[in-house]
Amino acid sequence: MKKIKTNPIKTVLTISMGFIIVYLITKWNWAIFVSLLIGLIGIFSNYLSKKIDFIWMKIAWLLGLIVPNILLTAIFFLFLFPIAVLARLFSNKDPLNLKNRSNSIFRNSSKQFDKASFEKTW
């Protein structure tokens, strides 16, 4: 696995801007103070900037493990499963021939093949 090269200054700036956006949307005073604090830490301490960057990347890695599973599960149970149940309830057909209604799975085909059908098979 490749190691991702990070830039602690950009990470601190991104976090600081995120808290400013939170302040602008919600008008929570603590968000502007946290933004100012993280911004000052990023400017004056390279060591703390690297630590903030490390913690931020670990949180991103953890969310990368959790969020796709939750998102795919929600999509499956909220959209795909109800559509499949409704399709099965209101459909009389068996498009995949899953119900074994005959003695053989072979079908007779009445299509006439010519030379062109073998030249472009797909």
N, C-alpha and C. Protein backbone atom coordinates (compact mmCIF):
# COMPACT_ATOMS: atom_id res chain seq x y z
N MET A 1 0.84 -1.17 0.00
CA MET A 1 0.00 0.00 0.00
C MET A 1 0.89 1.24 0.00
N LYS A 2 0.55 2.19 -0.85
CA LYS A 2 1.33 3.42 -0.93
C LYS A 2 1.08 4.29 0.29
N LYS A 3 2.14 4.93 0.73
CA LYS A 3 1.99 5.89 1.81
C LYS A 3 1.62 7.23 1.20
N ILE A 4 0.57 7.82 1.72
CA ILE A 4 0.09 9.10 1.19
C ILE A 4 0.90 10.23 1.81
N LYS A 5 1.45 11.07 0.95
CA LYS A 5 2.22 12.21 1.43
C LYS A 5 1.24 13.33 1.76
N THR A 6 1.27 13.78 2.99
CA THR A 6 0.33 14.81 3.41
C THR A 6 1.05 16.13 3.60
N ASN A 7 0.26 17.17 3.65
CA ASN A 7 0.77 18.51 3.90
C ASN A 7 0.06 19.04 5.15
N PRO A 8 0.75 19.07 6.29
CA PRO A 8 0.09 19.49 7.54
C PRO A 8 -0.48 20.90 7.51
N ILE A 9 0.17 21.80 6.80
CA ILE A 9 -0.33 23.19 6.74
C ILE A 9 -1.68 23.23 6.03
N LYS A 10 -1.79 22.50 4.92
CA LYS A 10 -3.07 22.47 4.20
C LYS A 10 -4.15 21.78 5.02
N THR A 11 -3.77 20.75 5.77
CA THR A 11 -4.75 20.06 6.60
C THR A 11 -5.28 20.99 7.69
N VAL A 12 -4.38 21.71 8.35
CA VAL A 12 -4.79 22.64 9.40
C VAL A 12 -5.65 23.76 8.81
N LEU A 13 -5.28 24.25 7.64
CA LEU A 13 -6.07 25.29 6.98
C LEU A 13 -7.46 24.78 6.62
N THR A 14 -7.54 23.55 6.15
CA THR A 14 -8.84 22.96 5.81
C THR A 14 -9.73 22.81 7.03
N ILE A 15 -9.15 22.33 8.13
CA ILE A 15 -9.93 22.18 9.36
C ILE A 15 -10.39 23.54 9.87
N SER A 16 -9.50 24.51 9.82
CA SER A 16 -9.84 25.86 10.27
C SER A 16 -10.96 26.46 9.42
N MET A 17 -10.87 26.30 8.11
CA MET A 17 -11.94 26.80 7.23
C MET A 17 -13.25 26.06 7.46
N GLY A 18 -13.16 24.79 7.77
CA GLY A 18 -14.37 24.02 8.08
C GLY A 18 -15.09 24.58 9.29
N PHE A 19 -14.33 24.93 10.33
CA PHE A 19 -14.96 25.52 11.51
C PHE A 19 -15.51 26.92 11.23
N ILE A 20 -14.87 27.67 10.34
CA ILE A 20 -15.42 28.98 9.96
C ILE A 20 -16.74 28.80 9.22
N ILE A 21 -16.82 27.80 8.35
CA ILE A 21 -18.08 27.53 7.64
C ILE A 21 -19.16 27.10 8.62
N VAL A 22 -18.78 26.28 9.62
CA VAL A 22 -19.75 25.89 10.65
C VAL A 22 -20.26 27.13 11.38
N TYR A 23 -19.36 28.06 11.69
CA TYR A 23 -19.77 29.29 12.36
C TYR A 23 -20.71 30.12 11.48
N LEU A 24 -20.39 30.24 10.20
CA LEU A 24 -21.23 31.05 9.31
C LEU A 24 -22.63 30.45 9.13
N ILE A 25 -22.73 29.15 9.16
CA ILE A 25 -24.03 28.50 8.99
C ILE A 25 -24.84 28.52 10.28
N THR A 26 -24.18 28.21 11.40
CA THR A 26 -24.93 28.00 12.65
C THR A 26 -24.83 29.16 13.64
N LYS A 27 -23.87 30.04 13.46
CA LYS A 27 -23.61 31.17 14.37
C LYS A 27 -23.23 30.71 15.77
N TRP A 28 -22.57 29.54 15.87
CA TRP A 28 -22.06 29.07 17.15
C TRP A 28 -20.71 29.75 17.40
N ASN A 29 -20.59 30.45 18.52
CA ASN A 29 -19.37 31.20 18.80
C ASN A 29 -18.16 30.31 19.03
N TRP A 30 -18.36 29.14 19.58
CA TRP A 30 -17.22 28.26 19.85
C TRP A 30 -16.52 27.83 18.57
N ALA A 31 -17.24 27.78 17.45
CA ALA A 31 -16.64 27.33 16.20
C ALA A 31 -15.60 28.32 15.70
N ILE A 32 -15.84 29.61 15.87
CA ILE A 32 -14.87 30.61 15.42
C ILE A 32 -13.63 30.59 16.31
N PHE A 33 -13.83 30.32 17.61
CA PHE A 33 -12.68 30.24 18.51
C PHE A 33 -11.83 29.01 18.22
N VAL A 34 -12.47 27.89 17.94
CA VAL A 34 -11.74 26.67 17.59
C VAL A 34 -10.99 26.88 16.28
N SER A 35 -11.62 27.55 15.33
CA SER A 35 -10.96 27.84 14.06
C SER A 35 -9.72 28.71 14.27
N LEU A 36 -9.86 29.72 15.08
CA LEU A 36 -8.74 30.61 15.38
C LEU A 36 -7.63 29.85 16.09
N LEU A 37 -7.98 29.02 17.06
CA LEU A 37 -6.99 28.25 17.81
C LEU A 37 -6.23 27.28 16.90
N ILE A 38 -6.95 26.54 16.08
CA ILE A 38 -6.29 25.59 15.17
C ILE A 38 -5.44 26.33 14.15
N GLY A 39 -5.92 27.46 13.66
CA GLY A 39 -5.13 28.25 12.71
C GLY A 39 -3.84 28.77 13.32
N LEU A 40 -3.91 29.25 14.57
CA LEU A 40 -2.70 29.74 15.24
C LEU A 40 -1.72 28.61 15.53
N ILE A 41 -2.26 27.45 15.91
CA ILE A 41 -1.39 26.29 16.12
C ILE A 41 -0.68 25.93 14.82
N GLY A 42 -1.41 25.98 13.72
CA GLY A 42 -0.82 25.65 12.43
C GLY A 42 0.26 26.63 12.00
N ILE A 43 0.10 27.89 12.37
CA ILE A 43 1.08 28.90 11.98
C ILE A 43 2.34 28.82 12.84
N PHE A 44 2.18 28.65 14.16
CA PHE A 44 3.31 28.79 15.06
C PHE A 44 4.00 27.48 15.44
N SER A 45 3.36 26.34 15.30
CA SER A 45 3.98 25.10 15.75
C SER A 45 3.91 24.04 14.64
N ASN A 46 5.07 23.75 14.08
CA ASN A 46 5.13 22.72 13.04
C ASN A 46 4.88 21.34 13.65
N TYR A 47 5.37 21.12 14.86
CA TYR A 47 5.19 19.83 15.54
C TYR A 47 3.70 19.55 15.78
N LEU A 48 2.97 20.54 16.31
CA LEU A 48 1.54 20.34 16.57
C LEU A 48 0.75 20.25 15.26
N SER A 49 1.22 20.93 14.22
CA SER A 49 0.55 20.80 12.92
C SER A 49 0.65 19.37 12.41
N LYS A 50 1.82 18.77 12.58
CA LYS A 50 1.98 17.37 12.16
C LYS A 50 1.11 16.44 12.99
N LYS A 51 0.98 16.72 14.28
CA LYS A 51 0.12 15.89 15.13
C LYS A 51 -1.35 16.03 14.74
N ILE A 52 -1.79 17.26 14.46
CA ILE A 52 -3.17 17.47 14.01
C ILE A 52 -3.40 16.76 12.68
N ASP A 53 -2.42 16.84 11.78
CA ASP A 53 -2.52 16.16 10.48
C ASP A 53 -2.60 14.65 10.67
N PHE A 54 -1.79 14.10 11.57
CA PHE A 54 -1.81 12.66 11.83
C PHE A 54 -3.17 12.22 12.36
N ILE A 55 -3.70 12.96 13.33
CA ILE A 55 -5.02 12.62 13.89
C ILE A 55 -6.10 12.74 12.82
N TRP A 56 -6.03 13.78 12.00
CA TRP A 56 -7.02 13.99 10.93
C TRP A 56 -6.99 12.85 9.93
N MET A 57 -5.81 12.40 9.56
CA MET A 57 -5.69 11.30 8.59
C MET A 57 -6.17 9.98 9.20
N LYS A 58 -5.95 9.78 10.49
CA LYS A 58 -6.45 8.56 11.14
C LYS A 58 -7.98 8.58 11.22
N ILE A 59 -8.56 9.74 11.48
CA ILE A 59 -10.03 9.85 11.47
C ILE A 59 -10.56 9.58 10.07
N ALA A 60 -9.89 10.12 9.05
CA ALA A 60 -10.31 9.89 7.66
C ALA A 60 -10.20 8.41 7.30
N TRP A 61 -9.14 7.75 7.75
CA TRP A 61 -8.97 6.31 7.49
C TRP A 61 -10.08 5.51 8.16
N LEU A 62 -10.40 5.86 9.41
CA LEU A 62 -11.46 5.16 10.13
C LEU A 62 -12.82 5.37 9.46
N LEU A 63 -13.10 6.59 9.06
CA LEU A 63 -14.36 6.86 8.35
C LEU A 63 -14.40 6.15 7.01
N GLY A 64 -13.25 6.00 6.37
CA GLY A 64 -13.19 5.27 5.11
C GLY A 64 -13.53 3.79 5.28
N LEU A 65 -13.33 3.25 6.46
CA LEU A 65 -13.71 1.87 6.73
C LEU A 65 -15.19 1.74 7.07
N ILE A 66 -15.74 2.72 7.75
CA ILE A 66 -17.10 2.61 8.28
C ILE A 66 -18.15 3.11 7.29
N VAL A 67 -17.97 4.28 6.74
CA VAL A 67 -19.01 4.94 5.95
C VAL A 67 -19.46 4.15 4.72
N PRO A 68 -18.56 3.57 3.91
CA PRO A 68 -19.06 2.83 2.75
C PRO A 68 -19.97 1.67 3.12
N ASN A 69 -19.66 0.98 4.20
CA ASN A 69 -20.51 -0.13 4.62
C ASN A 69 -21.89 0.35 5.05
N ILE A 70 -21.93 1.42 5.80
CA ILE A 70 -23.22 1.98 6.24
C ILE A 70 -24.00 2.50 5.05
N LEU A 71 -23.33 3.19 4.15
CA LEU A 71 -23.99 3.76 2.98
C LEU A 71 -24.55 2.68 2.06
N LEU A 72 -23.76 1.65 1.80
CA LEU A 72 -24.24 0.58 0.93
C LEU A 72 -25.37 -0.21 1.58
N THR A 73 -25.31 -0.41 2.88
CA THR A 73 -26.39 -1.09 3.58
C THR A 73 -27.67 -0.27 3.52
N ALA A 74 -27.56 1.03 3.73
CA ALA A 74 -28.74 1.89 3.67
C ALA A 74 -29.34 1.90 2.27
N ILE A 75 -28.50 1.99 1.25
CA ILE A 75 -29.02 1.97 -0.13
C ILE A 75 -29.72 0.65 -0.41
N PHE A 76 -29.13 -0.44 0.05
CA PHE A 76 -29.73 -1.75 -0.21
C PHE A 76 -31.10 -1.87 0.44
N PHE A 77 -31.18 -1.56 1.74
CA PHE A 77 -32.44 -1.78 2.45
C PHE A 77 -33.49 -0.70 2.19
N LEU A 78 -33.08 0.50 1.82
CA LEU A 78 -34.05 1.56 1.57
C LEU A 78 -34.53 1.62 0.13
N PHE A 79 -33.70 1.17 -0.82
CA PHE A 79 -34.08 1.28 -2.23
C PHE A 79 -34.20 -0.08 -2.92
N LEU A 80 -33.12 -0.84 -2.91
CA LEU A 80 -33.09 -2.06 -3.72
C LEU A 80 -34.01 -3.15 -3.19
N PHE A 81 -34.02 -3.37 -1.90
CA PHE A 81 -34.86 -4.42 -1.33
C PHE A 81 -36.35 -4.15 -1.55
N PRO A 82 -36.86 -2.94 -1.27
CA PRO A 82 -38.29 -2.70 -1.55
C PRO A 82 -38.65 -2.82 -3.03
N ILE A 83 -37.77 -2.38 -3.92
CA ILE A 83 -38.05 -2.52 -5.34
C ILE A 83 -38.11 -3.99 -5.73
N ALA A 84 -37.21 -4.80 -5.19
CA ALA A 84 -37.20 -6.23 -5.51
C ALA A 84 -38.45 -6.92 -4.97
N VAL A 85 -38.88 -6.54 -3.77
CA VAL A 85 -40.10 -7.14 -3.20
C VAL A 85 -41.32 -6.76 -4.02
N LEU A 86 -41.43 -5.49 -4.40
CA LEU A 86 -42.56 -5.06 -5.22
C LEU A 86 -42.54 -5.72 -6.60
N ALA A 87 -41.37 -5.86 -7.17
CA ALA A 87 -41.28 -6.51 -8.48
C ALA A 87 -41.69 -7.97 -8.38
N ARG A 88 -41.33 -8.62 -7.31
CA ARG A 88 -41.70 -10.02 -7.15
C ARG A 88 -43.19 -10.17 -6.87
N LEU A 89 -43.77 -9.23 -6.13
CA LEU A 89 -45.19 -9.32 -5.82
C LEU A 89 -46.07 -9.08 -7.04
N PHE A 90 -45.70 -8.12 -7.87
CA PHE A 90 -46.55 -7.73 -8.98
C PHE A 90 -46.17 -8.35 -10.32
N SER A 91 -45.23 -9.25 -10.33
CA SER A 91 -44.81 -9.87 -11.58
C SER A 91 -45.18 -11.35 -11.58
N ASN A 92 -45.77 -11.80 -12.68
CA ASN A 92 -46.11 -13.21 -12.82
C ASN A 92 -45.05 -13.96 -13.61
N LYS A 93 -44.13 -13.25 -14.18
CA LYS A 93 -43.13 -13.86 -15.04
C LYS A 93 -41.94 -14.37 -14.22
N ASP A 94 -41.21 -15.26 -14.82
CA ASP A 94 -39.98 -15.79 -14.24
C ASP A 94 -38.85 -15.51 -15.24
N PRO A 95 -38.31 -14.28 -15.26
CA PRO A 95 -37.37 -13.92 -16.32
C PRO A 95 -36.05 -14.70 -16.28
N LEU A 96 -35.65 -15.17 -15.13
CA LEU A 96 -34.40 -15.93 -15.05
C LEU A 96 -34.62 -17.43 -15.10
N ASN A 97 -35.86 -17.84 -15.28
CA ASN A 97 -36.23 -19.27 -15.29
C ASN A 97 -35.73 -19.99 -14.04
N LEU A 98 -35.99 -19.38 -12.90
CA LEU A 98 -35.56 -19.97 -11.64
C LEU A 98 -36.49 -21.08 -11.18
N LYS A 99 -37.74 -21.02 -11.58
CA LYS A 99 -38.69 -22.08 -11.22
C LYS A 99 -38.57 -23.20 -12.24
N ASN A 100 -38.33 -24.37 -11.78
CA ASN A 100 -38.10 -25.51 -12.67
C ASN A 100 -39.44 -26.08 -13.10
N ARG A 101 -39.99 -25.57 -14.21
CA ARG A 101 -41.31 -25.98 -14.67
C ARG A 101 -41.26 -27.09 -15.71
N SER A 102 -40.13 -27.36 -16.29
CA SER A 102 -40.05 -28.39 -17.33
C SER A 102 -38.97 -29.41 -16.97
N ASN A 103 -38.92 -30.46 -17.76
CA ASN A 103 -37.95 -31.52 -17.51
C ASN A 103 -36.55 -31.16 -18.00
N SER A 104 -36.45 -30.19 -18.88
CA SER A 104 -35.17 -29.83 -19.47
C SER A 104 -34.98 -28.32 -19.41
N ILE A 105 -33.73 -27.91 -19.37
CA ILE A 105 -33.44 -26.47 -19.37
C ILE A 105 -33.13 -25.97 -20.78
N PHE A 106 -33.11 -26.85 -21.74
CA PHE A 106 -32.83 -26.45 -23.12
C PHE A 106 -34.07 -25.85 -23.77
N ARG A 107 -33.83 -24.89 -24.67
CA ARG A 107 -34.91 -24.27 -25.42
C ARG A 107 -34.68 -24.50 -26.90
N ASN A 108 -35.76 -24.67 -27.61
CA ASN A 108 -35.67 -24.76 -29.06
C ASN A 108 -35.65 -23.35 -29.63
N SER A 109 -34.73 -23.10 -30.52
CA SER A 109 -34.61 -21.79 -31.14
C SER A 109 -34.95 -21.90 -32.61
N SER A 110 -35.78 -21.00 -33.08
CA SER A 110 -36.17 -21.02 -34.48
C SER A 110 -35.46 -19.95 -35.30
N LYS A 111 -34.43 -19.36 -34.74
CA LYS A 111 -33.70 -18.30 -35.43
C LYS A 111 -32.80 -18.92 -36.50
N GLN A 112 -32.79 -18.29 -37.66
CA GLN A 112 -31.94 -18.74 -38.76
C GLN A 112 -30.62 -17.97 -38.69
N PHE A 113 -29.52 -18.69 -38.68
CA PHE A 113 -28.20 -18.08 -38.62
C PHE A 113 -27.63 -17.95 -40.02
N ASP A 114 -26.98 -16.81 -40.25
CA ASP A 114 -26.31 -16.61 -41.53
C ASP A 114 -24.84 -16.26 -41.27
N LYS A 115 -24.11 -15.97 -42.32
CA LYS A 115 -22.69 -15.70 -42.20
C LYS A 115 -22.40 -14.45 -41.36
N ALA A 116 -23.22 -13.44 -41.46
CA ALA A 116 -23.01 -12.17 -40.73
C ALA A 116 -23.14 -12.35 -39.22
N SER A 117 -23.96 -13.27 -38.77
CA SER A 117 -24.13 -13.45 -37.34
C SER A 117 -22.89 -14.09 -36.70
N PHE A 118 -22.04 -14.76 -37.48
CA PHE A 118 -20.81 -15.33 -36.95
C PHE A 118 -19.63 -14.38 -37.07
N GLU A 119 -19.74 -13.37 -37.92
CA GLU A 119 -18.65 -12.41 -38.07
C GLU A 119 -18.65 -11.39 -36.94
N LYS A 120 -19.81 -10.95 -36.51
CA LYS A 120 -19.93 -10.00 -35.42
C LYS A 120 -20.72 -10.66 -34.30
N THR A 121 -20.02 -11.43 -33.49
CA THR A 121 -20.72 -12.21 -32.46
C THR A 121 -21.25 -11.35 -31.32
N TRP A 122 -20.62 -10.23 -31.08
CA TRP A 122 -21.08 -9.41 -29.96
C TRP A 122 -21.86 -8.23 -30.47
